[in-house]
PDB file of N, CA and C in Angstrom:
ATOM      1  N   MET A   1      50.672  43.162 -15.247  1.00  0.00           N
ATOM      2  CA  MET A   1      50.631  43.018 -16.689  1.00  0.00           C
ATOM      3  C   MET A   1      50.900  41.552 -17.037  1.00  0.00           C
ATOM      4  N   THR A   2      50.081  41.011 -17.868  1.00  0.00           N
ATOM      5  CA  THR A   2      50.202  39.607 -18.242  1.00  0.00           C
ATOM      6  C   THR A   2      50.992  39.472 -19.538  1.00  0.00           C
ATOM      7  N   MET A   3      51.883  38.496 -19.531  1.00  0.00           N
ATOM      8  CA  MET A   3      52.668  38.227 -20.736  1.00  0.00           C
ATOM      9  C   MET A   3      51.854  37.334 -21.666  1.00  0.00           C
ATOM     10  N   LYS A   4      51.832  37.681 -22.937  1.00  0.00           N
ATOM     11  CA  LYS A   4      51.152  36.849 -23.921  1.00  0.00           C
ATOM     12  C   LYS A   4      52.183  36.023 -24.662  1.00  0.00           C
ATOM     13  N   ARG A   5      51.852  34.765 -24.850  1.00  0.00           N
ATOM     14  CA  ARG A   5      52.754  33.920 -25.626  1.00  0.00           C
ATOM     15  C   ARG A   5      52.575  34.213 -27.106  1.00  0.00           C
ATOM     16  N   LYS A   6      53.685  34.141 -27.829  1.00  0.00           N
ATOM     17  CA  LYS A   6      53.608  34.325 -29.273  1.00  0.00           C
ATOM     18  C   LYS A   6      52.930  33.115 -29.888  1.00  0.00           C
ATOM     19  N   ALA A   7      52.105  33.374 -30.872  1.00  0.00           N
ATOM     20  CA  ALA A   7      51.436  32.276 -31.584  1.00  0.00           C
ATOM     21  C   ALA A   7      52.462  31.539 -32.424  1.00  0.00           C
ATOM     22  N   LYS A   8      52.240  30.241 -32.550  1.00  0.00           N
ATOM     23  CA  LYS A   8      53.127  29.441 -33.397  1.00  0.00           C
ATOM     24  C   LYS A   8      52.972  29.863 -34.839  1.00  0.00           C
ATOM     25  N   ALA A   9      54.050  29.734 -35.573  1.00  0.00           N
ATOM     26  CA  ALA A   9      53.978  30.004 -37.005  1.00  0.00           C
ATOM     27  C   ALA A   9      53.042  28.999 -37.645  1.00  0.00           C
ATOM     28  N   ALA A  10      52.335  29.446 -38.664  1.00  0.00           N
ATOM     29  CA  ALA A  10      51.402  28.554 -39.350  1.00  0.00           C
ATOM     30  C   ALA A  10      52.145  27.367 -39.931  1.00  0.00           C
ATOM     31  N   GLY A  11      51.626  26.206 -39.668  1.00  0.00           N
ATOM     32  CA  GLY A  11      52.228  24.993 -40.208  1.00  0.00           C
ATOM     33  C   GLY A  11      53.440  24.499 -39.440  1.00  0.00           C
ATOM     34  N   ALA A  12      53.745  25.084 -38.304  1.00  0.00           N
ATOM     35  CA  ALA A  12      54.894  24.642 -37.511  1.00  0.00           C
ATOM     36  C   ALA A  12      54.581  23.289 -36.891  1.00  0.00           C
ATOM     37  N   PRO A  13      55.474  22.332 -37.050  1.00  0.00           N
ATOM     38  CA  PRO A  13      55.196  20.993 -36.521  1.00  0.00           C
ATOM     39  C   PRO A  13      55.289  20.946 -35.007  1.00  0.00           C
ATOM     40  N   ASP A  14      54.421  20.163 -34.380  1.00  0.00           N
ATOM     41  CA  ASP A  14      54.439  19.977 -32.937  1.00  0.00           C
ATOM     42  C   ASP A  14      55.387  18.848 -32.548  1.00  0.00           C
ATOM     43  N   ARG A  15      55.752  18.018 -33.501  1.00  0.00           N
ATOM     44  CA  ARG A  15      56.613  16.872 -33.239  1.00  0.00           C
ATOM     45  C   ARG A  15      57.881  17.001 -34.065  1.00  0.00           C
ATOM     46  N   PRO A  16      58.903  16.248 -33.719  1.00  0.00           N
ATOM     47  CA  PRO A  16      60.156  16.334 -34.475  1.00  0.00           C
ATOM     48  C   PRO A  16      59.964  15.876 -35.916  1.00  0.00           C
ATOM     49  N   LEU A  17      60.811  16.389 -36.784  1.00  0.00           N
ATOM     50  CA  LEU A  17      60.735  16.015 -38.192  1.00  0.00           C
ATOM     51  C   LEU A  17      61.035  14.532 -38.368  1.00  0.00           C
ATOM     52  N   PRO A  18      60.289  13.863 -39.251  1.00  0.00           N
ATOM     53  CA  PRO A  18      60.567  12.447 -39.495  1.00  0.00           C
ATOM     54  C   PRO A  18      61.892  12.286 -40.232  1.00  0.00           C
ATOM     55  N   SER A  19      62.479  11.120 -40.104  1.00  0.00           N
ATOM     56  CA  SER A  19      63.756  10.849 -40.754  1.00  0.00           C
ATOM     57  C   SER A  19      63.529  10.578 -42.240  1.00  0.00           C
ATOM     58  N   LEU A  20      64.620  10.533 -42.994  1.00  0.00           N
ATOM     59  CA  LEU A  20      64.565  10.251 -44.416  1.00  0.00           C
ATOM     60  C   LEU A  20      63.854   8.930 -44.699  1.00  0.00           C
ATOM     61  N   PRO A  21      64.217   7.831 -44.021  1.00  0.00           N
ATOM     62  CA  PRO A  21      63.504   6.573 -44.284  1.00  0.00           C
ATOM     63  C   PRO A  21      62.021   6.636 -43.934  1.00  0.00           C
ATOM     64  N   GLN A  22      61.678   7.366 -42.884  1.00  0.00           N
ATOM     65  CA  GLN A  22      60.273   7.482 -42.508  1.00  0.00           C
ATOM     66  C   GLN A  22      59.477   8.222 -43.582  1.00  0.00           C
ATOM     67  N   LEU A  23      60.045   9.310 -44.116  1.00  0.00           N
ATOM     68  CA  LEU A  23      59.361  10.058 -45.162  1.00  0.00           C
ATOM     69  C   LEU A  23      59.208   9.228 -46.433  1.00  0.00           C
ATOM     70  N   CYS A  24      60.257   8.502 -46.793  1.00  0.00           N
ATOM     71  CA  CYS A  24      60.188   7.644 -47.982  1.00  0.00           C
ATOM     72  C   CYS A  24      59.146   6.544 -47.809  1.00  0.00           C
ATOM     73  N   THR A  25      59.106   5.953 -46.626  1.00  0.00           N
ATOM     74  CA  THR A  25      58.130   4.898 -46.346  1.00  0.00           C
ATOM     75  C   THR A  25      56.717   5.452 -46.404  1.00  0.00           C
ATOM     76  N   GLU A  26      56.520   6.625 -45.840  1.00  0.00           N
ATOM     77  CA  GLU A  26      55.189   7.235 -45.850  1.00  0.00           C
ATOM     78  C   GLU A  26      54.746   7.538 -47.282  1.00  0.00           C
ATOM     79  N   ALA A  27      55.651   8.092 -48.096  1.00  0.00           N
ATOM     80  CA  ALA A  27      55.319   8.396 -49.493  1.00  0.00           C
ATOM     81  C   ALA A  27      54.992   7.111 -50.255  1.00  0.00           C
ATOM     82  N   ALA A  28      55.806   6.081 -50.075  1.00  0.00           N
ATOM     83  CA  ALA A  28      55.572   4.809 -50.765  1.00  0.00           C
ATOM     84  C   ALA A  28      54.248   4.188 -50.333  1.00  0.00           C
ATOM     85  N   ASP A  29      53.904   4.327 -49.069  1.00  0.00           N
ATOM     86  CA  ASP A  29      52.642   3.790 -48.566  1.00  0.00           C
ATOM     87  C   ASP A  29      51.457   4.481 -49.243  1.00  0.00           C
ATOM     88  N   HIS A  30      51.546   5.799 -49.396  1.00  0.00           N
ATOM     89  CA  HIS A  30      50.460   6.534 -50.053  1.00  0.00           C
ATOM     90  C   HIS A  30      50.335   6.141 -51.527  1.00  0.00           C
ATOM     91  N   VAL A  31      51.455   5.937 -52.200  1.00  0.00           N
ATOM     92  CA  VAL A  31      51.405   5.509 -53.597  1.00  0.00           C
ATOM     93  C   VAL A  31      50.771   4.120 -53.705  1.00  0.00           C
ATOM     94  N   ALA A  32      51.138   3.233 -52.801  1.00  0.00           N
ATOM     95  CA  ALA A  32      50.552   1.890 -52.806  1.00  0.00           C
ATOM     96  C   ALA A  32      49.047   1.949 -52.564  1.00  0.00           C
ATOM     97  N   ARG A  33      48.626   2.802 -51.642  1.00  0.00           N
ATOM     98  CA  ARG A  33      47.191   2.932 -51.365  1.00  0.00           C
ATOM     99  C   ARG A  33      46.455   3.528 -52.572  1.00  0.00           C
ATOM    100  N   ALA A  34      47.110   4.442 -53.287  1.00  0.00           N
ATOM    101  CA  ALA A  34      46.500   5.009 -54.486  1.00  0.00           C
ATOM    102  C   ALA A  34      46.301   3.936 -55.545  1.00  0.00           C
ATOM    103  N   ARG A  35      47.307   3.077 -55.706  1.00  0.00           N
ATOM    104  CA  ARG A  35      47.189   1.986 -56.683  1.00  0.00           C
ATOM    105  C   ARG A  35      46.058   1.036 -56.308  1.00  0.00           C
ATOM    106  N   ILE A  36      45.938   0.737 -55.019  1.00  0.00           N
ATOM    107  CA  ILE A  36      44.855  -0.150 -54.567  1.00  0.00           C
ATOM    108  C   ILE A  36      43.506   0.500 -54.860  1.00  0.00           C
ATOM    109  N   ALA A  37      43.397   1.791 -54.596  1.00  0.00           N
ATOM    110  CA  ALA A  37      42.131   2.489 -54.838  1.00  0.00           C
ATOM    111  C   ALA A  37      41.764   2.483 -56.319  1.00  0.00           C
ATOM    112  N   LEU A  38      42.759   2.515 -57.187  1.00  0.00           N
ATOM    113  CA  LEU A  38      42.478   2.512 -58.622  1.00  0.00           C
ATOM    114  C   LEU A  38      42.155   1.128 -59.158  1.00  0.00           C
ATOM    115  N   TYR A  39      42.839   0.116 -58.641  1.00  0.00           N
ATOM    116  CA  TYR A  39      42.678  -1.213 -59.196  1.00  0.00           C
ATOM    117  C   TYR A  39      41.752  -2.103 -58.385  1.00  0.00           C
ATOM    118  N   ASP A  40      41.174  -1.553 -57.344  1.00  0.00           N
ATOM    119  CA  ASP A  40      40.210  -2.294 -56.545  1.00  0.00           C
ATOM    120  C   ASP A  40      38.882  -2.341 -57.301  1.00  0.00           C
ATOM    121  N   GLU A  41      37.970  -3.157 -56.844  1.00  0.00           N
ATOM    122  CA  GLU A  41      36.664  -3.276 -57.494  1.00  0.00           C
ATOM    123  C   GLU A  41      35.898  -1.951 -57.488  1.00  0.00           C
ATOM    124  N   THR A  42      36.155  -1.122 -56.499  1.00  0.00           N
ATOM    125  CA  THR A  42      35.395   0.121 -56.366  1.00  0.00           C
ATOM    126  C   THR A  42      35.878   1.213 -57.316  1.00  0.00           C
ATOM    127  N   LEU A  43      37.124   1.149 -57.774  1.00  0.00           N
ATOM    128  CA  LEU A  43      37.721   2.159 -58.654  1.00  0.00           C
ATOM    129  C   LEU A  43      37.456   3.570 -58.122  1.00  0.00           C
ATOM    130  N   ASP A  44      38.012   3.860 -56.959  1.00  0.00           N
ATOM    131  CA  ASP A  44      37.802   5.138 -56.290  1.00  0.00           C
ATOM    132  C   ASP A  44      38.906   6.124 -56.692  1.00  0.00           C
ATOM    133  N   ALA A  45      38.685   6.839 -57.787  1.00  0.00           N
ATOM    134  CA  ALA A  45      39.689   7.772 -58.310  1.00  0.00           C
ATOM    135  C   ALA A  45      39.929   8.939 -57.351  1.00  0.00           C
ATOM    136  N   ASP A  46      38.885   9.402 -56.689  1.00  0.00           N
ATOM    137  CA  ASP A  46      39.055  10.514 -55.740  1.00  0.00           C
ATOM    138  C   ASP A  46      39.977  10.123 -54.595  1.00  0.00           C
ATOM    139  N   GLN A  47      39.786   8.930 -54.065  1.00  0.00           N
ATOM    140  CA  GLN A  47      40.641   8.458 -52.969  1.00  0.00           C
ATOM    141  C   GLN A  47      42.072   8.281 -53.453  1.00  0.00           C
ATOM    142  N   ALA A  48      42.238   7.778 -54.678  1.00  0.00           N
ATOM    143  CA  ALA A  48      43.577   7.610 -55.241  1.00  0.00           C
ATOM    144  C   ALA A  48      44.281   8.958 -55.367  1.00  0.00           C
ATOM    145  N   LEU A  49      43.570   9.975 -55.828  1.00  0.00           N
ATOM    146  CA  LEU A  49      44.162  11.306 -55.957  1.00  0.00           C
ATOM    147  C   LEU A  49      44.547  11.886 -54.602  1.00  0.00           C
ATOM    148  N   LEU A  50      43.728  11.641 -53.598  1.00  0.00           N
ATOM    149  CA  LEU A  50      44.069  12.118 -52.251  1.00  0.00           C
ATOM    150  C   LEU A  50      45.367  11.470 -51.760  1.00  0.00           C
ATOM    151  N   HIS A  51      45.512  10.177 -52.001  1.00  0.00           N
ATOM    152  CA  HIS A  51      46.739   9.495 -51.588  1.00  0.00           C
ATOM    153  C   HIS A  51      47.946   9.994 -52.379  1.00  0.00           C
ATOM    154  N   LEU A  52      47.759  10.258 -53.657  1.00  0.00           N
ATOM    155  CA  LEU A  52      48.876  10.788 -54.450  1.00  0.00           C
ATOM    156  C   LEU A  52      49.255  12.197 -53.982  1.00  0.00           C
ATOM    157  N   ASP A  53      48.272  12.999 -53.609  1.00  0.00           N
ATOM    158  CA  ASP A  53      48.569  14.321 -53.053  1.00  0.00           C
ATOM    159  C   ASP A  53      49.370  14.194 -51.758  1.00  0.00           C
ATOM    160  N   ASP A  54      48.996  13.229 -50.920  1.00  0.00           N
ATOM    161  CA  ASP A  54      49.728  13.006 -49.671  1.00  0.00           C
ATOM    162  C   ASP A  54      51.159  12.548 -49.952  1.00  0.00           C
ATOM    163  N   ALA A  55      51.328  11.702 -50.965  1.00  0.00           N
ATOM    164  CA  ALA A  55      52.672  11.237 -51.333  1.00  0.00           C
ATOM    165  C   ALA A  55      53.523  12.412 -51.814  1.00  0.00           C
ATOM    166  N   ILE A  56      52.936  13.287 -52.604  1.00  0.00           N
ATOM    167  CA  ILE A  56      53.667  14.467 -53.084  1.00  0.00           C
ATOM    168  C   ILE A  56      54.046  15.364 -51.916  1.00  0.00           C
ATOM    169  N   SER A  57      53.153  15.508 -50.949  1.00  0.00           N
ATOM    170  CA  SER A  57      53.470  16.312 -49.757  1.00  0.00           C
ATOM    171  C   SER A  57      54.655  15.729 -49.000  1.00  0.00           C
ATOM    172  N   CYS A  58      54.698  14.401 -48.886  1.00  0.00           N
ATOM    173  CA  CYS A  58      55.831  13.739 -48.219  1.00  0.00           C
ATOM    174  C   CYS A  58      57.131  14.043 -48.952  1.00  0.00           C
ATOM    175  N   LEU A  59      57.088  13.960 -50.270  1.00  0.00           N
ATOM    176  CA  LEU A  59      58.298  14.203 -51.055  1.00  0.00           C
ATOM    177  C   LEU A  59      58.729  15.665 -50.979  1.00  0.00           C
ATOM    178  N   LYS A  60      57.776  16.581 -50.892  1.00  0.00           N
ATOM    179  CA  LYS A  60      58.114  17.996 -50.732  1.00  0.00           C
ATOM    180  C   LYS A  60      58.773  18.236 -49.369  1.00  0.00           C
ATOM    181  N   ARG A  61      58.261  17.573 -48.332  1.00  0.00           N
ATOM    182  CA  ARG A  61      58.884  17.695 -47.008  1.00  0.00           C
ATOM    183  C   ARG A  61      60.287  17.120 -47.024  1.00  0.00           C
ATOM    184  N   LEU A  62      60.456  16.023 -47.743  1.00  0.00           N
ATOM    185  CA  LEU A  62      61.766  15.396 -47.875  1.00  0.00           C
ATOM    186  C   LEU A  62      62.754  16.353 -48.534  1.00  0.00           C
ATOM    187  N   LEU A  63      62.334  16.997 -49.600  1.00  0.00           N
ATOM    188  CA  LEU A  63      63.178  17.955 -50.295  1.00  0.00           C
ATOM    189  C   LEU A  63      63.498  19.152 -49.396  1.00  0.00           C
ATOM    190  N   ALA A  64      62.497  19.665 -48.695  1.00  0.00           N
ATOM    191  CA  ALA A  64      62.714  20.797 -47.797  1.00  0.00           C
ATOM    192  C   ALA A  64      63.677  20.432 -46.679  1.00  0.00           C
ATOM    193  N   GLN A  65      63.539  19.226 -46.148  1.00  0.00           N
ATOM    194  CA  GLN A  65      64.429  18.778 -45.075  1.00  0.00           C
ATOM    195  C   GLN A  65      65.866  18.670 -45.589  1.00  0.00           C
ATOM    196  N   GLY A  66      66.034  18.170 -46.802  1.00  0.00           N
ATOM    197  CA  GLY A  66      67.368  18.066 -47.395  1.00  0.00           C
ATOM    198  C   GLY A  66      67.989  19.424 -47.632  1.00  0.00           C
ATOM    199  N   ARG A  67      67.190  20.367 -48.093  1.00  0.00           N
ATOM    200  CA  ARG A  67      67.697  21.722 -48.330  1.00  0.00           C
ATOM    201  C   ARG A  67      68.083  22.400 -47.021  1.00  0.00           C
ATOM    202  N   THR A  68      67.276  22.183 -45.985  1.00  0.00           N
ATOM    203  CA  THR A  68      67.576  22.766 -44.683  1.00  0.00           C
ATOM    204  C   THR A  68      68.864  22.182 -44.119  1.00  0.00           C
ATOM    205  N   SER A  69      69.025  20.884 -44.246  1.00  0.00           N
ATOM    206  CA  SER A  69      70.232  20.225 -43.749  1.00  0.00           C
ATOM    207  C   SER A  69      71.464  20.763 -44.459  1.00  0.00           C
ATOM    208  N   HIS A  70      71.359  20.957 -45.758  1.00  0.00           N
ATOM    209  CA  HIS A  70      72.492  21.465 -46.532  1.00  0.00           C
ATOM    210  C   HIS A  70      72.803  22.912 -46.154  1.00  0.00           C
ATOM    211  N   ALA A  71      71.768  23.707 -45.954  1.00  0.00           N
ATOM    212  CA  ALA A  71      71.966  25.107 -45.591  1.00  0.00           C
ATOM    213  C   ALA A  71      72.630  25.227 -44.219  1.00  0.00           C
ATOM    214  N   ASN A  72      72.390  24.254 -43.358  1.00  0.00           N
ATOM    215  CA  ASN A  72      72.988  24.268 -42.026  1.00  0.00           C
ATOM    216  C   ASN A  72      74.344  23.584 -42.000  1.00  0.00           C
ATOM    217  N   GLY A  73      74.837  23.173 -43.175  1.00  0.00           N
ATOM    218  CA  GLY A  73      76.139  22.523 -43.258  1.00  0.00           C
ATOM    219  C   GLY A  73      76.160  21.108 -42.758  1.00  0.00           C
ATOM    220  N   GLN A  74      75.020  20.420 -42.821  1.00  0.00           N
ATOM    221  CA  GLN A  74      74.937  19.072 -42.285  1.00  0.00           C
ATOM    222  C   GLN A  74      75.113  17.989 -43.346  1.00  0.00           C
ATOM    223  N   GLY A  75      75.418  18.343 -44.569  1.00  0.00           N
ATOM    224  CA  GLY A  75      75.641  17.319 -45.568  1.00  0.00           C
ATOM    225  C   GLY A  75      75.128  17.727 -46.923  1.00  0.00           C
ATOM    226  N   PRO A  76      75.234  16.825 -47.887  1.00  0.00           N
ATOM    227  CA  PRO A  76      74.805  17.143 -49.242  1.00  0.00           C
ATOM    228  C   PRO A  76      73.296  17.319 -49.317  1.00  0.00           C
ATOM    229  N   SER A  77      72.854  18.165 -50.231  1.00  0.00           N
ATOM    230  CA  SER A  77      71.427  18.420 -50.360  1.00  0.00           C
ATOM    231  C   SER A  77      70.805  17.442 -51.341  1.00  0.00           C
ATOM    232  N   LEU A  78      69.490  17.363 -51.260  1.00  0.00           N
ATOM    233  CA  LEU A  78      68.744  16.564 -52.213  1.00  0.00           C
ATOM    234  C   LEU A  78      68.389  17.466 -53.380  1.00  0.00           C
ATOM    235  N   ARG A  79      68.510  16.954 -54.583  1.00  0.00           N
ATOM    236  CA  ARG A  79      68.201  17.762 -55.749  1.00  0.00           C
ATOM    237  C   ARG A  79      66.835  17.380 -56.277  1.00  0.00           C
ATOM    238  N   SER A  80      66.135  18.377 -56.799  1.00  0.00           N
ATOM    239  CA  SER A  80      64.862  18.072 -57.432  1.00  0.00           C
ATOM    240  C   SER A  80      65.090  17.789 -58.901  1.00  0.00           C
ATOM    241  N   ALA A  81      64.166  17.072 -59.484  1.00  0.00           N
ATOM    242  CA  ALA A  81      64.306  16.701 -60.906  1.00  0.00           C
ATOM    243  C   ALA A  81      63.938  17.841 -61.801  1.00  0.00           C
TER     244      ALA A  81
END
């Protein structure tokens, strides 16, 4: 009889979670790229929106990481606005 491995949960990361500064840097980078896309000669609004969506995803991961840390007793949580 062959053992089957359990499938990974959907969206489970293959790499360790990024640190707080890494997430902030990634979000800021996406916002900067969105601004460039809007104010560049090409005025690529679709590309700007994609970068803003990526920045929001970074901030959501940041919030989730803070909540997880707090739930595990690792420190104060991050609050959402």
